[in-house]
Structure formats: structure tokens, C-alpha cells
Amino acid sequence: MSWSSAHFPPPALAAVAEEVASLLRERGETISVAETAAGGLVSAALLSTPGASRIYKGGLTLYTLPSRLAYAGWTQDNIDKYDGPTPELVEGMARHVRGTLESDYCVSESGTAGPTASGKTPNRQPGYVALAVVSEKNGAMSKDLMTSCGNDRHANMVAFAVEALKLVKEFILSKGSSKV
């Protein structure tokens, strides 16, 4: 089986990754990533851009409870209160990872890619994602949404990554520089 770069990243993901990478390069700023359901696609898309070593501080795929305990700053309180992904939850992961990796920004996502639901609440249905981007100087921006991808796991993963990077772009353009 041969592989071609024409297949990755998907066009919509490649476009927004380049926009974010270009903004960061122009501003001399950096980003880190804390992702779950996107499975590393946010990091991979950013790393596929030219000059990635100047903007990308690192990323974590925090898919399991042990990884969240070890690397995302989760405590027993997070476990006890967990009822699916929320904007507040991903904002906390982003704050922890941004501080650890000392990046200007950190983007985080957590969702339900599918094909099956992980519970009965809306935030545990296929297509749901919670997103956050944080900056030490400019605070945070978060949101949640449902994709239009239904229970298509792969499409949801790509949509989660696209939406995460769109939020980064919106945050950077609305908040200005995180540099003093």
C-alpha cells in the first residue's frame, strides 16, 4: 500500500492549520495541544506546516484516564465530577498543558467521535465536542458544538480538529498578542 501526502491533512484541516501556523509565525508565538477525541490530528496538522518547529511546543493525546491523571493535571475531584466533556473541562486541560509546555497558547478538545454514544446526555453523543484555547496573558475562549457528521467517527475526528484550530484563529485575532 502506498501513501501520498495528497491524503493528509484533509483540505479543510490543512487550510486552517496553515492559517493558524502563519499567524503564529508572523507574531513569533507558540502553541501546544491537549486533545482527546481528535486523536492527534490537531498536532499532526500543525506539524505538517512549514516552520512548525518555530511555533509548536508539543502536544498530548489525552485519550485515557491514566493519561489525563499523568499529564493533564486531573485530580480525584475531576474523576468524581466527570459527566462527559465540557468546555470547562477542556479549558482546565489546556491551562495545565500550556503551563507545562510554556507555550503562548494551548488548544484543547474533548468529544464523542462515535460511532456509538458514551452516555445519554447531549455531550456524550457522536458529533459533540468541547473546545478551549487559553493564553496566560489573554485568558481563554471556549465553546461546544455538534458537528453535522452523525456517527461517522473519522469525519467527526477531522471536524473536531478543524473546529479546534478555527477557535485558535478566532481567539488570536480577537485578543491580540499574548506577548508583553
Protein backbone atom coordinates (compact mmCIF):
# COMPACT_ATOMS: atom_id res chain seq x y z
CA MET A 1 0.00 0.00 0.00
CA SER A 2 1.44 3.35 -0.94
CA TRP A 3 0.70 6.59 0.82
CA SER A 4 0.60 10.05 -0.64
CA SER A 5 0.79 13.43 1.04
CA ALA A 6 -2.25 14.33 -1.07
CA HIS A 7 -4.33 12.45 1.53
CA PHE A 8 -3.15 14.28 4.64
CA PRO A 9 -4.15 16.54 6.11
CA PRO A 10 -7.64 16.72 4.64
CA PRO A 11 -8.09 20.01 2.74
CA ALA A 12 -10.24 21.82 5.33
CA LEU A 13 -7.84 20.84 8.12
CA ALA A 14 -4.76 21.76 6.09
CA ALA A 15 -6.19 25.19 5.29
CA VAL A 16 -6.98 26.19 8.87
CA ALA A 17 -3.71 24.69 10.17
CA GLU A 18 -1.77 26.85 7.73
CA GLU A 19 -3.76 29.94 8.72
CA VAL A 20 -3.02 29.35 12.42
CA ALA A 21 0.63 28.48 11.79
CA SER A 22 1.05 31.59 9.64
CA LEU A 23 -0.47 33.81 12.35
CA LEU A 24 1.81 32.29 14.98
CA ARG A 25 4.93 32.61 12.78
CA GLU A 26 4.12 36.26 11.99
CA ARG A 27 3.69 37.02 15.68
CA GLY A 28 6.62 34.97 16.97
CA GLU A 29 4.26 32.98 19.20
CA THR A 30 3.91 29.31 20.09
CA ILE A 31 1.17 26.76 20.65
CA SER A 32 0.71 23.47 22.44
CA VAL A 33 -2.12 20.97 22.05
CA ALA A 34 -4.14 18.86 24.50
CA GLU A 35 -6.51 16.69 22.51
CA THR A 36 -8.60 13.62 23.13
CA ALA A 37 -11.18 12.56 20.53
CA ALA A 38 -9.30 14.14 17.59
CA GLY A 39 -6.59 11.58 18.31
CA GLY A 40 -3.58 13.73 17.43
CA LEU A 41 -4.99 15.31 14.26
CA VAL A 42 -4.64 18.86 15.61
CA SER A 43 -0.96 18.30 16.35
CA ALA A 44 -0.34 16.46 13.09
CA ALA A 45 -1.98 19.23 11.06
CA LEU A 46 0.11 21.92 12.75
CA LEU A 47 3.26 19.84 12.31
CA SER A 48 2.53 19.46 8.59
CA THR A 49 3.03 23.21 8.08
CA PRO A 50 6.39 24.66 7.06
CA GLY A 51 8.30 26.14 10.00
CA ALA A 52 6.38 24.08 12.57
CA SER A 53 9.43 23.85 14.82
CA ARG A 54 9.19 27.61 15.44
CA ILE A 55 5.55 27.55 16.58
CA TYR A 56 4.80 24.09 18.01
CA LYS A 57 5.86 23.41 21.62
CA GLY A 58 4.32 19.95 21.91
CA GLY A 59 1.10 18.05 22.18
CA LEU A 60 -0.59 15.34 24.15
CA THR A 61 -3.31 12.92 23.13
CA LEU A 62 -5.08 12.54 26.47
CA TYR A 63 -7.45 9.77 25.45
CA THR A 64 -7.47 7.70 28.63
CA LEU A 65 -7.98 8.38 32.31
CA PRO A 66 -4.37 7.37 33.16
CA SER A 67 -3.04 9.86 30.59
CA ARG A 68 -5.23 12.63 31.98
CA LEU A 69 -4.08 11.89 35.52
CA ALA A 70 -0.42 11.78 34.47
CA TYR A 71 -0.28 14.71 32.04
CA ALA A 72 -3.41 16.91 32.20
CA GLY A 73 -3.42 17.80 35.87
CA TRP A 74 -6.53 15.75 36.62
CA THR A 75 -7.32 15.00 40.24
CA GLN A 76 -9.74 12.73 42.05
CA ASP A 77 -12.19 15.64 42.01
CA ASN A 78 -12.16 15.61 38.18
CA ILE A 79 -12.87 11.90 38.21
CA ASP A 80 -15.66 12.19 40.79
CA LYS A 81 -17.40 15.00 38.88
CA TYR A 82 -16.88 13.66 35.36
CA ASP A 83 -20.06 13.53 33.30
CA GLY A 84 -18.62 13.79 29.83
CA PRO A 85 -16.63 16.51 28.08
CA THR A 86 -17.42 20.16 28.76
CA PRO A 87 -15.84 23.48 27.79
CA GLU A 88 -14.74 23.98 31.41
CA LEU A 89 -13.06 20.58 31.48
CA VAL A 90 -11.07 21.17 28.29
CA GLU A 91 -10.16 24.67 29.42
CA GLY A 92 -8.59 23.14 32.53
CA MET A 93 -6.61 20.67 30.42
CA ALA A 94 -5.46 23.49 28.16
CA ARG A 95 -4.32 25.62 31.11
CA HIS A 96 -2.34 22.75 32.58
CA VAL A 97 -0.63 21.77 29.32
CA ARG A 98 0.08 25.41 28.34
CA GLY A 99 1.79 25.99 31.66
CA THR A 100 3.77 22.77 31.49
CA LEU A 101 4.98 23.32 27.92
CA GLU A 102 5.36 27.10 28.35
CA SER A 103 3.57 27.97 25.12
CA ASP A 104 1.81 31.23 24.36
CA TYR A 105 -1.40 29.35 23.59
CA CYS A 106 -2.82 25.90 24.16
CA VAL A 107 -5.80 24.45 22.38
CA SER A 108 -7.75 21.53 23.81
CA GLU A 109 -10.65 19.41 22.67
CA SER A 110 -12.66 16.51 24.00
CA GLY A 111 -15.69 14.95 22.43
CA THR A 112 -17.52 11.87 21.31
CA ALA A 113 -16.38 10.80 17.86
CA GLY A 114 -18.69 7.80 17.69
CA PRO A 115 -19.95 5.66 16.20
CA THR A 116 -21.74 4.96 19.49
CA ALA A 117 -22.80 7.26 22.30
CA SER A 118 -20.88 7.17 25.57
CA GLY A 119 -23.93 8.13 27.64
CA LYS A 120 -27.40 9.64 27.41
CA THR A 121 -26.58 13.36 27.80
CA PRO A 122 -26.07 15.56 24.71
CA ASN A 123 -22.33 15.91 25.44
CA ARG A 124 -21.90 12.15 25.13
CA GLN A 125 -23.48 11.76 21.70
CA PRO A 126 -21.50 11.22 18.48
CA GLY A 127 -20.50 14.56 16.99
CA TYR A 128 -20.32 16.52 20.25
CA VAL A 129 -17.06 18.35 21.01
CA ALA A 130 -15.96 20.80 23.70
CA LEU A 131 -13.17 23.19 22.71
CA ALA A 132 -10.97 25.70 24.50
CA VAL A 133 -7.95 27.84 23.78
CA VAL A 134 -6.03 29.57 26.56
CA SER A 135 -3.31 32.17 26.87
CA GLU A 136 -1.56 33.30 30.05
CA LYS A 137 -1.99 36.96 29.15
CA ASN A 138 -5.36 36.96 27.38
CA GLY A 139 -7.48 34.46 29.25
CA ALA A 140 -9.50 31.82 27.48
CA MET A 141 -12.17 31.20 24.90
CA SER A 142 -14.26 28.06 24.89
CA LYS A 143 -17.33 26.62 23.23
CA ASP A 144 -19.05 23.38 22.48
CA LEU A 145 -20.84 22.22 19.37
CA MET A 146 -22.32 19.32 17.47
CA THR A 147 -20.87 18.50 14.09
CA SER A 148 -23.09 17.52 11.20
CA CYS A 149 -21.21 14.23 10.81
CA GLY A 150 -23.57 12.00 12.77
CA ASN A 151 -21.89 8.82 13.96
CA ASP A 152 -19.08 8.91 11.35
CA ARG A 153 -16.05 8.55 13.62
CA HIS A 154 -13.43 9.64 11.09
CA ALA A 155 -15.41 12.65 9.87
CA ASN A 156 -16.05 13.73 13.46
CA MET A 157 -12.36 13.47 14.34
CA VAL A 158 -11.43 15.72 11.41
CA ALA A 159 -14.28 18.12 12.21
CA PHE A 160 -13.13 18.32 15.85
CA ALA A 161 -9.59 19.21 14.71
CA VAL A 162 -10.86 21.79 12.21
CA GLU A 163 -13.11 23.43 14.80
CA ALA A 164 -10.31 23.48 17.39
CA LEU A 165 -7.99 25.32 15.01
CA LYS A 166 -10.78 27.69 13.94
CA LEU A 167 -11.21 28.59 17.61
CA VAL A 168 -7.47 29.27 17.92
CA LYS A 169 -7.61 31.58 14.90
CA GLU A 170 -10.66 33.40 16.30
CA PHE A 171 -9.02 33.78 19.71
CA ILE A 172 -5.74 35.13 18.32
CA LEU A 173 -7.46 37.61 16.04
CA SER A 174 -9.87 38.80 18.74
CA LYS A 175 -7.45 39.02 21.67
CA GLY A 176 -4.30 40.34 20.07
CA SER A 177 -0.79 39.37 21.04
CA SER A 178 -0.13 37.32 24.15
CA LYS A 179 3.37 38.82 24.34
CA VAL A 180 4.06 41.65 26.80
